[in-house]
Structure formats: C-alpha cells, structure tokens
Amino acid sequence: AAARLNYPGAHALLALHASSPPRGTRGPRVHVGVEAAISGVSRFLELPPPWQYSKAEGLAPAQLTRFSHLLTGANDDATRDLPGFELAHVESGFTRVAMRPPFLLTEPKINVLRRRKEGAVGRAAAAATEGDYFL
C-alpha cells in the first residue's frame, strides 16, 4: 500500500483519463510537468489518439494555453493561478512515516488543471502552433 503513494503523477494521469473522455475529433492535449513526469507518468500510461501528450520543459505560462489539461506540481507557483485554467483534481503522495496512525502521511503533490469551458484563451494561437511541443 505504501508503494502506491510514491507515484502521484501516474494516479493523477489515470484520474484525468477517467474524468475527461475525448469529445469530437480533437482530443485532449495534456502537458505533463516535471513533477508529474518524475512521479510516475510514463508513455505506458498514455492513451492512443485523439489524446496528445507533451513533456516539454521550460514553457512560459503563455505557451501552456495551447493545452486542454496540465499536470503540475502542487506547489508550482507559475501554474497555480494560470488564467484560463481551473483546478480539476489534486493527487496526494507519500510524505513521511508517522509513529502513530495514520502511519503513512501524505500531502498534495500533483494538480490536474483543465481549461475553463468559457475561456477560449489563446485558442487561435494554440491552433496555429499546436504541433510545436508534442512528442
């Protein structure tokens, strides 16, 4: 049971897959941040098209608007209040062992952000450069 808590990135991606079925021909475009990538997100968890994934590093906040979903570190100040996105899910992960129950302590590790429905932030720019950051 303790090992499961070491992979919050993987569990966050699985939660995203369960909550966001693709609609239409253009599927979800997911950016996987560094914290999610090093905590369990791998190619083995990716779904086939129309899902698209990117693990590009060093993107500016404006460049993130081309994605429909972001998996970021829970303490990532750059994406915490990113315009056009809302918090959809928080995945907790292992922090430490305690001497009393509960013995396995957790804290928020990965945030799943989704584009707000009413926001078309950067949609034209995203369409123009959509392939730039996808692996």
Protein backbone atom coordinates (compact mmCIF):
# COMPACT_ATOMS: atom_id res chain seq x y z
CA ALA A 1 0.00 0.00 0.00
CA ALA A 2 2.86 2.39 0.75
CA ALA A 3 4.44 2.00 -2.70
CA ARG A 4 1.25 3.27 -4.37
CA LEU A 5 1.74 6.61 -2.65
CA ASN A 6 5.11 7.11 -4.39
CA TYR A 7 3.52 7.61 -7.82
CA PRO A 8 1.10 10.55 -7.59
CA GLY A 9 1.85 11.62 -11.18
CA ALA A 10 0.64 8.28 -12.52
CA HIS A 11 -2.51 8.37 -10.41
CA ALA A 12 -3.22 11.96 -11.46
CA LEU A 13 -3.00 10.98 -15.13
CA LEU A 14 -5.29 7.98 -14.57
CA ALA A 15 -7.78 10.27 -12.82
CA LEU A 16 -7.62 12.65 -15.78
CA HIS A 17 -8.29 9.81 -18.23
CA ALA A 18 -11.29 8.68 -16.18
CA SER A 19 -12.79 12.16 -15.95
CA SER A 20 -12.15 13.59 -19.44
CA PRO A 21 -13.32 11.38 -22.29
CA PRO A 22 -12.36 12.78 -25.69
CA ARG A 23 -15.07 14.74 -27.48
CA GLY A 24 -15.14 15.21 -31.24
CA THR A 25 -12.12 14.78 -33.44
CA ARG A 26 -9.78 16.99 -31.43
CA GLY A 27 -8.95 15.15 -28.25
CA PRO A 28 -7.41 16.33 -25.02
CA ARG A 29 -3.96 17.94 -25.21
CA VAL A 30 -2.12 17.21 -21.97
CA HIS A 31 1.03 18.89 -20.74
CA VAL A 32 2.95 16.78 -18.22
CA GLY A 33 5.06 18.93 -15.92
CA VAL A 34 8.37 17.84 -14.42
CA GLU A 35 6.91 16.84 -11.03
CA ALA A 36 4.28 14.63 -12.66
CA ALA A 37 6.83 13.10 -15.03
CA ILE A 38 9.23 12.12 -12.26
CA SER A 39 6.45 10.71 -10.09
CA GLY A 40 5.01 8.07 -12.35
CA VAL A 41 3.77 9.46 -15.69
CA SER A 42 5.23 7.36 -18.50
CA ARG A 43 4.48 6.52 -22.11
CA PHE A 44 2.88 3.27 -20.92
CA LEU A 45 0.02 5.27 -19.39
CA GLU A 46 -0.72 7.32 -22.49
CA LEU A 47 -3.94 6.67 -24.39
CA PRO A 48 -3.98 6.50 -28.20
CA PRO A 49 -5.15 9.39 -30.38
CA PRO A 50 -7.04 11.60 -30.18
CA TRP A 51 -5.18 12.08 -26.85
CA GLN A 52 -1.95 14.10 -27.23
CA TYR A 53 0.80 14.50 -24.62
CA SER A 54 3.77 16.79 -24.14
CA LYS A 55 6.61 16.68 -21.64
CA ALA A 56 8.36 19.77 -22.99
CA GLU A 57 10.19 21.68 -20.27
CA GLY A 58 10.71 25.38 -19.76
CA LEU A 59 7.45 26.54 -21.30
CA ALA A 60 6.28 30.04 -20.42
CA PRO A 61 2.78 30.37 -18.93
CA ALA A 62 1.53 31.82 -22.23
CA GLN A 63 2.71 28.68 -24.05
CA LEU A 64 0.68 26.46 -21.71
CA THR A 65 -2.56 27.91 -23.04
CA ARG A 66 -2.33 25.60 -26.07
CA PHE A 67 -3.13 22.62 -23.82
CA SER A 68 -6.52 21.48 -22.58
CA HIS A 69 -5.08 19.93 -19.39
CA LEU A 70 -1.96 20.44 -17.26
CA LEU A 71 -0.39 18.08 -14.73
CA THR A 72 1.72 20.30 -12.49
CA GLY A 73 3.39 20.21 -9.12
CA ALA A 74 1.03 21.13 -6.30
CA ASN A 75 3.48 23.83 -5.18
CA ASP A 76 4.17 25.21 -8.66
CA ASP A 77 3.57 28.96 -8.30
CA ALA A 78 3.80 29.56 -12.07
CA THR A 79 0.70 27.46 -12.79
CA ARG A 80 -1.29 27.79 -9.57
CA ASP A 81 -3.41 30.71 -10.83
CA LEU A 82 -2.88 30.33 -14.55
CA PRO A 83 -5.52 32.37 -16.43
CA GLY A 84 -7.99 30.23 -18.36
CA PHE A 85 -7.49 27.10 -16.24
CA GLU A 86 -9.19 25.70 -13.16
CA LEU A 87 -8.22 23.04 -10.65
CA ALA A 88 -9.87 19.73 -11.58
CA HIS A 89 -8.10 17.25 -9.27
CA VAL A 90 -5.39 17.08 -6.61
CA GLU A 91 -3.39 13.90 -6.15
CA SER A 92 -1.62 13.36 -2.85
CA GLY A 93 1.56 11.38 -2.39
CA PHE A 94 3.79 9.98 0.32
CA THR A 95 5.48 12.46 2.62
CA ARG A 96 6.73 10.53 5.65
CA VAL A 97 6.06 7.78 8.14
CA ALA A 98 4.49 8.67 11.50
CA MET A 99 4.85 6.83 14.79
CA ARG A 100 1.05 6.71 15.28
CA PRO A 101 -1.89 6.11 12.97
CA PRO A 102 -2.19 7.07 10.28
CA PHE A 103 1.33 5.77 9.77
CA LEU A 104 1.72 6.86 6.15
CA LEU A 105 1.35 10.61 5.85
CA THR A 106 0.57 12.28 2.56
CA GLU A 107 0.30 15.78 1.16
CA PRO A 108 -0.84 17.26 -2.18
CA LYS A 109 1.78 16.54 -4.84
CA ILE A 110 0.18 16.91 -8.29
CA ASN A 111 -2.50 19.29 -9.55
CA VAL A 112 -4.59 18.50 -12.61
CA LEU A 113 -5.74 21.71 -14.24
CA ARG A 114 -8.28 21.91 -17.06
CA ARG A 115 -9.11 24.72 -19.39
CA ARG A 116 -12.19 26.64 -18.28
CA LYS A 117 -15.13 25.97 -20.56
CA GLU A 118 -15.98 29.62 -21.01
CA GLY A 119 -12.36 30.56 -21.75
CA ALA A 120 -11.05 30.48 -25.27
CA VAL A 121 -7.71 31.78 -24.02
CA GLY A 122 -5.15 31.57 -26.78
CA ARG A 123 -7.21 29.15 -28.88
CA ALA A 124 -6.20 30.73 -32.20
CA ALA A 125 -2.54 30.81 -31.19
CA ALA A 126 -2.74 27.23 -29.96
CA ALA A 127 -4.23 26.06 -33.25
CA ALA A 128 -1.52 27.84 -35.22
CA THR A 129 1.36 26.24 -33.28
CA GLU A 130 -0.29 23.11 -31.96
CA GLY A 131 2.43 20.69 -33.08
CA ASP A 132 5.36 22.62 -31.67
CA TYR A 133 5.55 20.90 -28.30
CA PHE A 134 4.03 17.46 -28.77
CA LEU A 135 6.27 14.41 -28.59
